[in-house]
C-alpha atoms as a PDB file:
ATOM      1  CA  MET A   1      61.767  -3.877  31.770  1.00  0.00           C
ATOM      2  CA  ASP A   2      61.413  -4.098  27.974  1.00  0.00           C
ATOM      3  CA  LYS A   3      63.242  -1.587  25.849  1.00  0.00           C
ATOM      4  CA  ILE A   4      60.918   0.954  24.257  1.00  0.00           C
ATOM      5  CA  TYR A   5      61.433  -0.442  20.781  1.00  0.00           C
ATOM      6  CA  ASN A   6      60.507  -3.942  21.972  1.00  0.00           C
ATOM      7  CA  ILE A   7      56.943  -2.930  22.898  1.00  0.00           C
ATOM      8  CA  ILE A   8      56.051  -1.692  19.415  1.00  0.00           C
ATOM      9  CA  PRO A   9      53.456  -4.050  17.901  1.00  0.00           C
ATOM     10  CA  GLY A  10      53.947  -5.873  14.617  1.00  0.00           C
ATOM     11  CA  ASP A  11      56.579  -8.010  12.927  1.00  0.00           C
ATOM     12  CA  ILE A  12      60.208  -6.878  12.741  1.00  0.00           C
ATOM     13  CA  ILE A  13      61.537  -6.560   9.221  1.00  0.00           C
ATOM     14  CA  GLU A  14      65.118  -6.110   8.079  1.00  0.00           C
ATOM     15  CA  ASP A  15      65.201  -3.859   5.037  1.00  0.00           C
ATOM     16  CA  VAL A  16      67.531  -0.878   4.932  1.00  0.00           C
ATOM     17  CA  SER A  17      65.943   0.364   1.701  1.00  0.00           C
ATOM     18  CA  ILE A  18      62.577   0.862   3.461  1.00  0.00           C
ATOM     19  CA  GLN A  19      64.241   2.811   6.272  1.00  0.00           C
ATOM     20  CA  THR A  20      65.969   4.969   3.674  1.00  0.00           C
ATOM     21  CA  LYS A  21      62.668   5.736   1.919  1.00  0.00           C
ATOM     22  CA  ILE A  22      60.952   6.634   5.202  1.00  0.00           C
ATOM     23  CA  ASN A  23      63.822   8.954   6.165  1.00  0.00           C
ATOM     24  CA  ALA A  24      63.704  10.568   2.732  1.00  0.00           C
ATOM     25  CA  LEU A  25      59.961  11.203   3.095  1.00  0.00           C
ATOM     26  CA  ILE A  26      60.435  12.741   6.536  1.00  0.00           C
ATOM     27  CA  ASP A  27      63.316  14.916   5.316  1.00  0.00           C
ATOM     28  CA  SER A  28      61.244  16.110   2.328  1.00  0.00           C
ATOM     29  CA  THR A  29      59.208  18.374   4.620  1.00  0.00           C
ATOM     30  CA  LYS A  30      60.799  20.943   6.923  1.00  0.00           C
ATOM     31  CA  PHE A  31      60.018  20.475  10.596  1.00  0.00           C
ATOM     32  CA  ASP A  32      58.224  23.818  10.854  1.00  0.00           C
ATOM     33  CA  GLU A  33      55.883  22.670   8.057  1.00  0.00           C
ATOM     34  CA  TRP A  34      54.795  19.499   9.832  1.00  0.00           C
ATOM     35  CA  ILE A  35      51.122  19.600  10.792  1.00  0.00           C
ATOM     36  CA  GLU A  36      50.435  18.969  14.481  1.00  0.00           C
ATOM     37  CA  MET A  37      47.348  16.749  14.592  1.00  0.00           C
ATOM     38  CA  ASN A  38      47.539  14.930  17.937  1.00  0.00           C
ATOM     39  CA  GLU A  39      44.207  13.126  18.630  1.00  0.00           C
ATOM     40  CA  ASN A  40      42.675  14.383  15.363  1.00  0.00           C
ATOM     41  CA  ILE A  41      44.913  12.021  13.414  1.00  0.00           C
ATOM     42  CA  TYR A  42      42.608   9.092  14.224  1.00  0.00           C
ATOM     43  CA  TYR A  43      39.729  10.641  12.296  1.00  0.00           C
ATOM     44  CA  LEU A  44      41.491  11.417   9.044  1.00  0.00           C
ATOM     45  CA  ASP A  45      42.200   9.281   5.994  1.00  0.00           C
ATOM     46  CA  PHE A  46      45.697   8.295   7.119  1.00  0.00           C
ATOM     47  CA  PHE A  47      44.342   5.467   9.279  1.00  0.00           C
ATOM     48  CA  ASN A  48      40.947   5.096   7.615  1.00  0.00           C
ATOM     49  CA  GLN A  49      42.343   4.172   4.206  1.00  0.00           C
ATOM     50  CA  ASN A  50      45.268   1.889   5.076  1.00  0.00           C
ATOM     51  CA  GLU A  51      45.395  -1.609   6.584  1.00  0.00           C
ATOM     52  CA  LYS A  52      49.153  -1.958   7.220  1.00  0.00           C
ATOM     53  CA  PHE A  53      51.926   0.482   8.126  1.00  0.00           C
ATOM     54  CA  TYR A  54      55.677   0.605   8.479  1.00  0.00           C
ATOM     55  CA  VAL A  55      56.606   1.676  12.008  1.00  0.00           C
ATOM     56  CA  MET A  56      60.182   2.817  12.605  1.00  0.00           C
ATOM     57  CA  TYR A  57      61.671   3.469  16.007  1.00  0.00           C
ATOM     58  CA  LEU A  58      63.472   6.814  16.034  1.00  0.00           C
ATOM     59  CA  ASP A  59      66.356   6.361  18.440  1.00  0.00           C
ATOM     60  CA  PRO A  60      67.371   9.860  19.644  1.00  0.00           C
ATOM     61  CA  ARG A  61      71.003   8.678  19.720  1.00  0.00           C
ATOM     62  CA  GLY A  62      70.837   7.131  16.269  1.00  0.00           C
ATOM     63  CA  ILE A  63      72.204   3.804  17.527  1.00  0.00           C
ATOM     64  CA  VAL A  64      69.208   1.449  17.617  1.00  0.00           C
ATOM     65  CA  LYS A  65      67.285   0.900  14.402  1.00  0.00           C
ATOM     66  CA  ARG A  66      64.032  -1.075  14.425  1.00  0.00           C
ATOM     67  CA  LEU A  67      61.475  -1.396  11.661  1.00  0.00           C
ATOM     68  CA  TYR A  68      58.080  -3.113  11.916  1.00  0.00           C
ATOM     69  CA  ILE A  69      55.127  -3.922   9.712  1.00  0.00           C
ATOM     70  CA  THR A  70      51.992  -3.408  11.790  1.00  0.00           C
ATOM     71  CA  ASP A  71      48.231  -3.869  11.383  1.00  0.00           C
ATOM     72  CA  CYS A  72      46.242  -0.612  11.481  1.00  0.00           C
ATOM     73  CA  ASN A  73      43.869  -1.544  14.322  1.00  0.00           C
ATOM     74  CA  GLU A  74      46.681  -2.879  16.469  1.00  0.00           C
ATOM     75  CA  LEU A  75      48.730   0.255  15.823  1.00  0.00           C
ATOM     76  CA  VAL A  76      45.911   2.667  16.675  1.00  0.00           C
ATOM     77  CA  CYS A  77      45.185   0.836  19.944  1.00  0.00           C
ATOM     78  CA  PHE A  78      48.893   0.943  20.801  1.00  0.00           C
ATOM     79  CA  MET A  79      49.128   4.685  20.089  1.00  0.00           C
ATOM     80  CA  LYS A  80      46.040   5.550  22.122  1.00  0.00           C
ATOM     81  CA  ASP A  81      47.447   3.575  25.031  1.00  0.00           C
ATOM     82  CA  ARG A  82      51.026   4.880  24.871  1.00  0.00           C
ATOM     83  CA  ILE A  83      50.778   8.414  23.462  1.00  0.00           C
ATOM     84  CA  ASN A  84      49.048  11.083  25.538  1.00  0.00           C
ATOM     85  CA  LEU A  85      49.854  14.750  25.019  1.00  0.00           C
ATOM     86  CA  LYS A  86      48.024  15.941  28.126  1.00  0.00           C
ATOM     87  CA  LYS A  87      50.145  13.632  30.287  1.00  0.00           C
ATOM     88  CA  GLY A  88      53.332  14.350  28.350  1.00  0.00           C
ATOM     89  CA  GLU A  89      53.741  10.682  27.455  1.00  0.00           C
ATOM     90  CA  GLY A  90      54.858   9.482  24.044  1.00  0.00           C
ATOM     91  CA  LEU A  91      57.270   7.519  21.862  1.00  0.00           C
ATOM     92  CA  ASP A  92      59.766   8.527  19.204  1.00  0.00           C
ATOM     93  CA  ILE A  93      58.402   6.642  16.201  1.00  0.00           C
ATOM     94  CA  ALA A  94      57.658   7.272  12.536  1.00  0.00           C
ATOM     95  CA  ILE A  95      54.622   5.639  10.925  1.00  0.00           C
ATOM     96  CA  CYS A  96      54.594   5.406   7.152  1.00  0.00           C
ATOM     97  CA  THR A  97      52.084   4.147   4.585  1.00  0.00           C
ATOM     98  CA  LYS A  98      53.321   1.199   2.533  1.00  0.00           C
ATOM     99  CA  ASP A  99      53.352   3.300  -0.628  1.00  0.00           C
ATOM    100  CA  PHE A 100      55.549   5.926   1.117  1.00  0.00           C
ATOM    101  CA  ALA A 101      52.978   8.614   0.285  1.00  0.00           C
ATOM    102  CA  ASN A 102      52.555   9.930   3.821  1.00  0.00           C
ATOM    103  CA  ALA A 103      54.020   9.624   7.295  1.00  0.00           C
ATOM    104  CA  VAL A 104      53.122  10.439  10.884  1.00  0.00           C
ATOM    105  CA  ILE A 105      55.726  11.340  13.470  1.00  0.00           C
ATOM    106  CA  CYS A 106      55.236  10.831  17.208  1.00  0.00           C
ATOM    107  CA  ASN A 107      57.584  12.158  19.879  1.00  0.00           C
ATOM    108  CA  HIS A 108      58.283  11.378  23.521  1.00  0.00           C
ATOM    109  CA  ASP A 109      56.248  14.413  24.657  1.00  0.00           C
ATOM    110  CA  GLY A 110      53.045  12.922  23.245  1.00  0.00           C
ATOM    111  CA  GLN A 111      52.749  15.110  20.131  1.00  0.00           C
ATOM    112  CA  ILE A 112      51.632  13.603  16.813  1.00  0.00           C
ATOM    113  CA  PHE A 113      52.563  15.302  13.543  1.00  0.00           C
ATOM    114  CA  SER A 114      51.635  14.552   9.948  1.00  0.00           C
ATOM    115  CA  ILE A 115      53.807  15.206   6.929  1.00  0.00           C
ATOM    116  CA  LYS A 116      50.668  15.684   4.805  1.00  0.00           C
ATOM    117  CA  VAL A 117      47.006  15.331   5.622  1.00  0.00           C
ATOM    118  CA  SER A 118      44.410  14.137   3.148  1.00  0.00           C
ATOM    119  CA  VAL A 119      40.774  14.435   4.183  1.00  0.00           C
ATOM    120  CA  SER A 120      39.028  13.735   0.884  1.00  0.00           C
ATOM    121  CA  PRO A 121      39.861  13.285  -2.796  1.00  0.00           C
ATOM    122  CA  THR A 122      39.349  17.026  -3.336  1.00  0.00           C
ATOM    123  CA  VAL A 123      41.177  18.346  -0.256  1.00  0.00           C
ATOM    124  CA  THR A 124      44.956  17.972  -0.142  1.00  0.00           C
ATOM    125  CA  SER A 125      45.910  20.095   2.824  1.00  0.00           C
ATOM    126  CA  VAL A 126      44.381  20.913   6.185  1.00  0.00           C
ATOM    127  CA  ARG A 127      46.821  23.476   7.462  1.00  0.00           C
ATOM    128  CA  ASN A 128      43.780  25.739   7.991  1.00  0.00           C
ATOM    129  CA  TYR A 129      41.390  22.889   8.777  1.00  0.00           C
ATOM    130  CA  SER A 130      39.547  23.918  11.960  1.00  0.00           C
ATOM    131  CA  THR A 131      38.517  21.679  14.837  1.00  0.00           C
ATOM    132  CA  GLY A 132      34.895  22.292  13.871  1.00  0.00           C
ATOM    133  CA  GLU A 133      35.536  21.086  10.332  1.00  0.00           C
ATOM    134  CA  LEU A 134      37.274  17.983  11.640  1.00  0.00           C
ATOM    135  CA  LEU A 135      34.280  17.275  13.858  1.00  0.00           C
ATOM    136  CA  ASN A 136      31.924  17.758  10.927  1.00  0.00           C
ATOM    137  CA  ARG A 137      33.871  15.148   8.981  1.00  0.00           C
ATOM    138  CA  VAL A 138      33.462  12.744  11.911  1.00  0.00           C
ATOM    139  CA  TYR A 139      29.717  13.515  11.983  1.00  0.00           C
ATOM    140  CA  GLU A 140      29.374  12.771   8.277  1.00  0.00           C
ATOM    141  CA  GLU A 141      31.034   9.386   8.741  1.00  0.00           C
ATOM    142  CA  ILE A 142      28.782   8.588  11.705  1.00  0.00           C
ATOM    143  CA  LYS A 143      25.628   9.476   9.758  1.00  0.00           C
ATOM    144  CA  GLU A 144      26.797   7.250   6.936  1.00  0.00           C
ATOM    145  CA  LYS A 145      27.166   4.339   9.366  1.00  0.00           C
ATOM    146  CA  LEU A 146      23.712   4.912  10.865  1.00  0.00           C
ATOM    147  CA  MET A 147      22.145   5.151   7.403  1.00  0.00           C
ATOM    148  CA  LYS A 148      22.726   1.399   6.970  1.00  0.00           C
ATOM    149  CA  PHE A 149      19.244   1.019   8.503  1.00  0.00           C
ATOM    150  CA  LYS A 150      17.640   3.379   5.979  1.00  0.00           C
ATOM    151  CA  ASP A 151      16.241   0.468   3.942  1.00  0.00           C
ATOM    152  CA  LEU A 152      14.079  -0.424   6.965  1.00  0.00           C
ATOM    153  CA  GLY A 153      12.367   2.954   6.730  1.00  0.00           C
ATOM    154  CA  TYR A 154      13.341   6.610   6.575  1.00  0.00           C
ATOM    155  CA  GLU A 155      11.618   9.934   7.183  1.00  0.00           C
ATOM    156  CA  GLU A 156      12.633  13.546   7.564  1.00  0.00           C
ATOM    157  CA  ARG A 157      10.270  15.333   9.898  1.00  0.00           C
ATOM    158  CA  GLU A 158      10.658  18.892  11.220  1.00  0.00           C
ATOM    159  CA  GLY A 159      14.377  18.767  10.460  1.00  0.00           C
ATOM    160  CA  CYS A 160      14.860  15.414  12.234  1.00  0.00           C
ATOM    161  CA  CYS A 161      16.148  12.228  10.575  1.00  0.00           C
ATOM    162  CA  LEU A 162      14.208   9.084  11.505  1.00  0.00           C
ATOM    163  CA  ILE A 163      16.103   5.968  10.432  1.00  0.00           C
ATOM    164  CA  GLY A 164      14.961   2.338  10.587  1.00  0.00           C
ATOM    165  CA  LYS A 165      11.330   1.346  11.101  1.00  0.00           C
ATOM    166  CA  PRO A 166      11.232  -2.484  11.280  1.00  0.00           C
ATOM    167  CA  GLU A 167       7.809  -4.063  11.795  1.00  0.00           C
ATOM    168  CA  TYR A 168       8.555  -5.331  15.298  1.00  0.00           C
ATOM    169  CA  LEU A 169       8.976  -1.822  16.757  1.00  0.00           C
ATOM    170  CA  PRO A 170       6.085  -0.019  18.502  1.00  0.00           C
ATOM    171  CA  LYS A 171       4.041   2.357  16.325  1.00  0.00           C
ATOM    172  CA  LEU A 172       5.916   5.578  17.092  1.00  0.00           C
ATOM    173  CA  ALA A 173       9.406   4.122  17.638  1.00  0.00           C
ATOM    174  CA  TRP A 174      12.426   4.282  15.307  1.00  0.00           C
ATOM    175  CA  LEU A 175      15.822   2.601  15.571  1.00  0.00           C
ATOM    176  CA  ILE A 176      17.757   5.859  15.121  1.00  0.00           C
ATOM    177  CA  VAL A 177      16.606   9.432  15.672  1.00  0.00           C
ATOM    178  CA  ILE A 178      18.842  12.401  14.866  1.00  0.00           C
ATOM    179  CA  MET A 179      17.137  15.514  16.184  1.00  0.00           C
ATOM    180  CA  SER A 180      17.026  18.744  14.195  1.00  0.00           C
ATOM    181  CA  PRO A 181      20.186  20.849  14.794  1.00  0.00           C
ATOM    182  CA  LEU A 182      19.938  23.927  16.986  1.00  0.00           C
ATOM    183  CA  LYS A 183      20.649  27.508  16.031  1.00  0.00           C
ATOM    184  CA  ASN A 184      23.231  29.453  18.000  1.00  0.00           C
ATOM    185  CA  ASP A 185      20.606  31.710  19.610  1.00  0.00           C
ATOM    186  CA  GLU A 186      18.739  28.624  20.851  1.00  0.00           C
ATOM    187  CA  ILE A 187      21.919  27.382  22.521  1.00  0.00           C
ATOM    188  CA  LEU A 188      22.478  30.771  24.144  1.00  0.00           C
ATOM    189  CA  LEU A 189      18.866  30.758  25.339  1.00  0.00           C
ATOM    190  CA  MET A 190      19.298  27.311  26.883  1.00  0.00           C
ATOM    191  CA  GLU A 191      22.523  28.326  28.635  1.00  0.00           C
ATOM    192  CA  GLU A 192      20.859  31.408  30.075  1.00  0.00           C
ATOM    193  CA  LYS A 193      17.631  29.627  31.005  1.00  0.00           C
ATOM    194  CA  TYR A 194      19.353  26.837  32.950  1.00  0.00           C
ATOM    195  CA  SER A 195      22.522  28.693  34.007  1.00  0.00           C
ATOM    196  CA  ILE A 196      24.764  26.099  32.367  1.00  0.00           C
ATOM    197  CA  LYS A 197      27.854  26.457  30.188  1.00  0.00           C
ATOM    198  CA  ILE A 198      27.947  24.077  27.241  1.00  0.00           C
ATOM    199  CA  PRO A 199      31.465  23.010  26.147  1.00  0.00           C
ATOM    200  CA  PRO A 200      32.434  24.132  22.628  1.00  0.00           C
ATOM    201  CA  VAL A 201      32.691  20.553  21.326  1.00  0.00           C
ATOM    202  CA  TYR A 202      29.125  19.817  22.414  1.00  0.00           C
ATOM    203  CA  LYS A 203      27.858  23.120  21.026  1.00  0.00           C
ATOM    204  CA  ASN A 204      29.290  22.001  17.716  1.00  0.00           C
ATOM    205  CA  PHE A 205      27.454  18.682  18.060  1.00  0.00           C
ATOM    206  CA  LEU A 206      24.136  20.424  18.797  1.00  0.00           C
ATOM    207  CA  GLN A 207      24.527  22.858  15.886  1.00  0.00           C
ATOM    208  CA  ASP A 208      26.174  20.714  13.200  1.00  0.00           C
ATOM    209  CA  PHE A 209      24.964  17.193  13.981  1.00  0.00           C
ATOM    210  CA  GLY A 210      21.729  17.341  15.910  1.00  0.00           C
ATOM    211  CA  ASN A 211      19.905  18.550  19.008  1.00  0.00           C
ATOM    212  CA  GLY A 212      20.344  15.107  20.536  1.00  0.00           C
ATOM    213  CA  LEU A 213      20.722  11.586  19.206  1.00  0.00           C
ATOM    214  CA  ASP A 214      18.906   8.351  20.026  1.00  0.00           C
ATOM    215  CA  ILE A 215      20.575   5.084  18.985  1.00  0.00           C
ATOM    216  CA  PHE A 216      18.809   1.716  18.921  1.00  0.00           C
ATOM    217  CA  THR A 217      15.612   3.005  20.565  1.00  0.00           C
ATOM    218  CA  GLY A 218      17.365   4.457  23.592  1.00  0.00           C
ATOM    219  CA  THR A 219      20.318   2.118  24.004  1.00  0.00           C
ATOM    220  CA  LEU A 220      22.509   5.229  23.917  1.00  0.00           C
ATOM    221  CA  SER A 221      21.044   8.737  23.933  1.00  0.00           C
ATOM    222  CA  PHE A 222      22.578  12.204  23.872  1.00  0.00           C
ATOM    223  CA  PHE A 223      20.880  15.124  25.580  1.00  0.00           C
ATOM    224  CA  GLY A 224      19.762  18.379  23.978  1.00  0.00           C
ATOM    225  CA  TYR A 225      17.339  21.265  24.319  1.00  0.00           C
ATOM    226  CA  ARG A 226      13.841  19.888  24.917  1.00  0.00           C
ATOM    227  CA  LYS A 227      11.410  22.476  23.628  1.00  0.00           C
ATOM    228  CA  HIS A 228       8.186  20.879  24.863  1.00  0.00           C
ATOM    229  CA  TYR A 229       6.846  17.935  26.869  1.00  0.00           C
ATOM    230  CA  LYS A 230       3.771  17.108  24.807  1.00  0.00           C
ATOM    231  CA  ARG A 231       2.782  13.446  24.910  1.00  0.00           C
ATOM    232  CA  ASP A 232       1.997  12.985  21.248  1.00  0.00           C
ATOM    233  CA  GLU A 233       3.728  11.740  18.096  1.00  0.00           C
ATOM    234  CA  THR A 234       6.054  14.775  18.115  1.00  0.00           C
ATOM    235  CA  ALA A 235       7.604  13.673  21.431  1.00  0.00           C
ATOM    236  CA  ILE A 236      10.019  11.386  19.571  1.00  0.00           C
ATOM    237  CA  LEU A 237      11.474  14.482  17.903  1.00  0.00           C
ATOM    238  CA  GLN A 238      12.495  15.914  21.276  1.00  0.00           C
ATOM    239  CA  PRO A 239      15.730  14.888  23.072  1.00  0.00           C
ATOM    240  CA  PHE A 240      16.196  14.150  26.727  1.00  0.00           C
ATOM    241  CA  ALA A 241      16.725  17.536  28.396  1.00  0.00           C
ATOM    242  CA  LEU A 242      20.276  18.691  29.206  1.00  0.00           C
ATOM    243  CA  ASP A 243      19.145  20.549  32.295  1.00  0.00           C
ATOM    244  CA  ILE A 244      18.032  17.402  34.135  1.00  0.00           C
ATOM    245  CA  PRO A 245      21.480  15.797  34.687  1.00  0.00           C
ATOM    246  CA  ASN A 246      23.336  19.119  34.824  1.00  0.00           C
ATOM    247  CA  VAL A 247      21.011  21.057  37.148  1.00  0.00           C
ATOM    248  CA  TYR A 248      18.405  18.924  38.885  1.00  0.00           C
ATOM    249  CA  GLU A 249      19.851  15.403  39.097  1.00  0.00           C
ATOM    250  CA  ARG A 250      23.635  15.747  39.198  1.00  0.00           C
ATOM    251  CA  PRO A 251      25.279  12.558  40.491  1.00  0.00           C
ATOM    252  CA  LYS A 252      27.298  12.652  43.688  1.00  0.00           C
ATOM    253  CA  ASN A 253      31.025  13.393  43.306  1.00  0.00           C
ATOM    254  CA  ALA A 254      30.298  15.553  40.239  1.00  0.00           C
ATOM    255  CA  LYS A 255      32.756  18.450  39.971  1.00  0.00           C
ATOM    256  CA  ASP A 256      31.743  21.836  38.618  1.00  0.00           C
ATOM    257  CA  THR A 257      33.746  21.038  35.468  1.00  0.00           C
ATOM    258  CA  TYR A 258      31.623  17.982  34.630  1.00  0.00           C
ATOM    259  CA  PHE A 259      29.093  18.465  31.836  1.00  0.00           C
ATOM    260  CA  PHE A 260      26.652  15.553  31.492  1.00  0.00           C
ATOM    261  CA  MET A 261      25.415  14.882  27.971  1.00  0.00           C
ATOM    262  CA  GLY A 262      24.506  11.215  27.440  1.00  0.00           C
ATOM    263  CA  PHE A 263      23.159   8.046  29.023  1.00  0.00           C
ATOM    264  CA  TYR A 264      22.581   4.324  28.462  1.00  0.00           C
ATOM    265  CA  ASP A 265      19.157   2.781  28.999  1.00  0.00           C
ATOM    266  CA  TRP A 266      20.725  -0.473  30.257  1.00  0.00           C
ATOM    267  CA  ASP A 267      20.914   0.945  33.788  1.00  0.00           C
ATOM    268  CA  GLY A 268      20.846   4.727  33.400  1.00  0.00           C
ATOM    269  CA  SER A 269      24.652   5.105  33.422  1.00  0.00           C
ATOM    270  CA  GLU A 270      25.821   8.462  32.127  1.00  0.00           C
ATOM    271  CA  LEU A 271      28.482  10.179  30.039  1.00  0.00           C
ATOM    272  CA  TYR A 272      30.081  13.513  30.828  1.00  0.00           C
ATOM    273  CA  ILE A 273      32.761  15.842  29.473  1.00  0.00           C
ATOM    274  CA  ASP A 274      35.324  17.093  31.980  1.00  0.00           C
ATOM    275  CA  THR A 275      35.824  20.624  30.671  1.00  0.00           C
ATOM    276  CA  GLU A 276      39.257  20.830  32.310  1.00  0.00           C
ATOM    277  CA  THR A 277      40.663  18.133  30.024  1.00  0.00           C
ATOM    278  CA  ASN A 278      37.929  17.706  27.353  1.00  0.00           C
ATOM    279  CA  HIS A 279      38.058  13.988  28.093  1.00  0.00           C
ATOM    280  CA  VAL A 280      34.784  12.063  28.162  1.00  0.00           C
ATOM    281  CA  HIS A 281      33.960   9.774  31.092  1.00  0.00           C
ATOM    282  CA  PHE A 282      31.488   6.983  31.730  1.00  0.00           C
ATOM    283  CA  CYS A 283      29.953   6.761  35.207  1.00  0.00           C
ATOM    284  CA  ARG A 284      27.047   5.265  37.117  1.00  0.00           C
ATOM    285  CA  ARG A 285      23.793   7.189  37.303  1.00  0.00           C
ATOM    286  CA  ASP A 286      24.206   8.193  40.939  1.00  0.00           C
ATOM    287  CA  ASP A 287      28.010   8.560  41.149  1.00  0.00           C
ATOM    288  CA  ALA A 288      30.250  10.608  38.832  1.00  0.00           C
ATOM    289  CA  THR A 289      33.364   8.581  39.660  1.00  0.00           C
ATOM    290  CA  SER A 290      34.900   7.727  36.291  1.00  0.00           C
ATOM    291  CA  LEU A 291      34.691   4.075  35.265  1.00  0.00           C
ATOM    292  CA  TYR A 292      35.959   4.536  31.711  1.00  0.00           C
ATOM    293  CA  GLU A 293      37.600   7.389  29.824  1.00  0.00           C
ATOM    294  CA  TRP A 294      38.008   8.575  26.228  1.00  0.00           C
ATOM    295  CA  ASN A 295      40.482  11.238  25.101  1.00  0.00           C
ATOM    296  CA  SER A 296      37.869  13.319  23.280  1.00  0.00           C
ATOM    297  CA  PHE A 297      34.180  13.601  22.478  1.00  0.00           C
ATOM    298  CA  GLU A 298      34.683  12.541  18.867  1.00  0.00           C
ATOM    299  CA  GLU A 299      36.706   9.502  19.947  1.00  0.00           C
ATOM    300  CA  MET A 300      33.935   8.444  22.312  1.00  0.00           C
ATOM    301  CA  LEU A 301      31.174   9.026  19.768  1.00  0.00           C
ATOM    302  CA  THR A 302      32.916   7.117  17.000  1.00  0.00           C
ATOM    303  CA  SER A 303      34.085   4.181  19.098  1.00  0.00           C
ATOM    304  CA  GLU A 304      30.783   3.771  20.945  1.00  0.00           C
ATOM    305  CA  ILE A 305      28.712   3.730  17.774  1.00  0.00           C
ATOM    306  CA  ASP A 306      31.104   1.216  16.214  1.00  0.00           C
ATOM    307  CA  ARG A 307      30.882  -0.943  19.341  1.00  0.00           C
ATOM    308  CA  LEU A 308      27.077  -0.826  19.524  1.00  0.00           C
ATOM    309  CA  LEU A 309      26.669  -1.650  15.828  1.00  0.00           C
ATOM    310  CA  LYS A 310      28.360  -4.981  16.555  1.00  0.00           C
ATOM    311  CA  LEU A 311      25.771  -5.795  19.242  1.00  0.00           C
ATOM    312  CA  PHE A 312      22.749  -5.523  16.923  1.00  0.00           C
ATOM    313  CA  THR A 313      21.548  -7.428  13.867  1.00  0.00           C
ATOM    314  CA  GLU A 314      20.989  -5.996  10.391  1.00  0.00           C
ATOM    315  CA  ASP A 315      17.361  -5.280  11.317  1.00  0.00           C
ATOM    316  CA  GLY A 316      18.285  -3.611  14.609  1.00  0.00           C
ATOM    317  CA  ARG A 317      17.571  -6.419  17.076  1.00  0.00           C
ATOM    318  CA  PRO A 318      19.998  -7.082  19.939  1.00  0.00           C
ATOM    319  CA  ILE A 319      22.097 -10.156  19.158  1.00  0.00           C
ATOM    320  CA  ASP A 320      21.951 -11.149  22.826  1.00  0.00           C
ATOM    321  CA  GLU A 321      19.288  -9.429  24.934  1.00  0.00           C
ATOM    322  CA  ASN A 322      21.118 -10.458  28.109  1.00  0.00           C
ATOM    323  CA  GLN A 323      24.415  -8.864  27.069  1.00  0.00           C
ATOM    324  CA  SER A 324      25.188  -5.503  28.638  1.00  0.00           C
ATOM    325  CA  THR A 325      25.337  -2.581  26.222  1.00  0.00           C
ATOM    326  CA  LEU A 326      27.605  -0.573  28.538  1.00  0.00           C
ATOM    327  CA  PRO A 327      31.216   0.231  27.565  1.00  0.00           C
ATOM    328  CA  CYS A 328      32.591  -1.619  30.582  1.00  0.00           C
END
């Protein structure tokens, strides 16, 4: 079996001065002032604004010293695979930007800490940065990505954002539809009406992003509160109804903790949040057995949109109509 430090990705470098600078940065902040970020670290500027990192193995005994230079994408994939707080799995490593401005510390219990956290040029600390605010930052980045199709057409109608209207689409169709966000009393009404409990992370999505989302004319859709079933031009402003998969058409093997909130038009496969873990799962339409798993709703949303954007051309056509659009 490989030693732990031998599985760290990247190229080994021998430079004591770099190790000294990383240790000095870590020691500059008291342990009780470190900011525990865990999975939220992937959505902040630490990884978004840097291409390469120094990765130093932190030997608990102080005997083994290993230092690597690692590509950002390779490092993030490695961390998501090897570091899992809910399972108590992790590695003792320090990750430092090449300018020694910031560092992230991971431990063997699966926790991820940041020395400092920068979320924008005007915000220097997120010690009081709430989960909702972190999600809103993710939503802003997602909207920015989807707005790349704005030059093909854009409308705001009844609070909804309609993005991308290339000539080849049917008259009423749009590439991207972000439904108008819900108010809190509308969410409470929906929960009472259908006797369902919406997870906090999805409530945030419905209130701060939109009452549903339709990507690439139904390739991936997220459910919401459907207020009417009129068959007219306003139908496109209504999401697929949350009550259908959660009340009337729950797949077999669905536990009470499963909350269904999205589907793919390729074959009707669905997405659900397991409210016990807050992990998101992909499953077939008629069977809730998990076929793929993400650590959080925001991780799923970000990675799936990034993946789908690579499957479509600049004018929103599928690059290969025979290629599956499913995550696995």
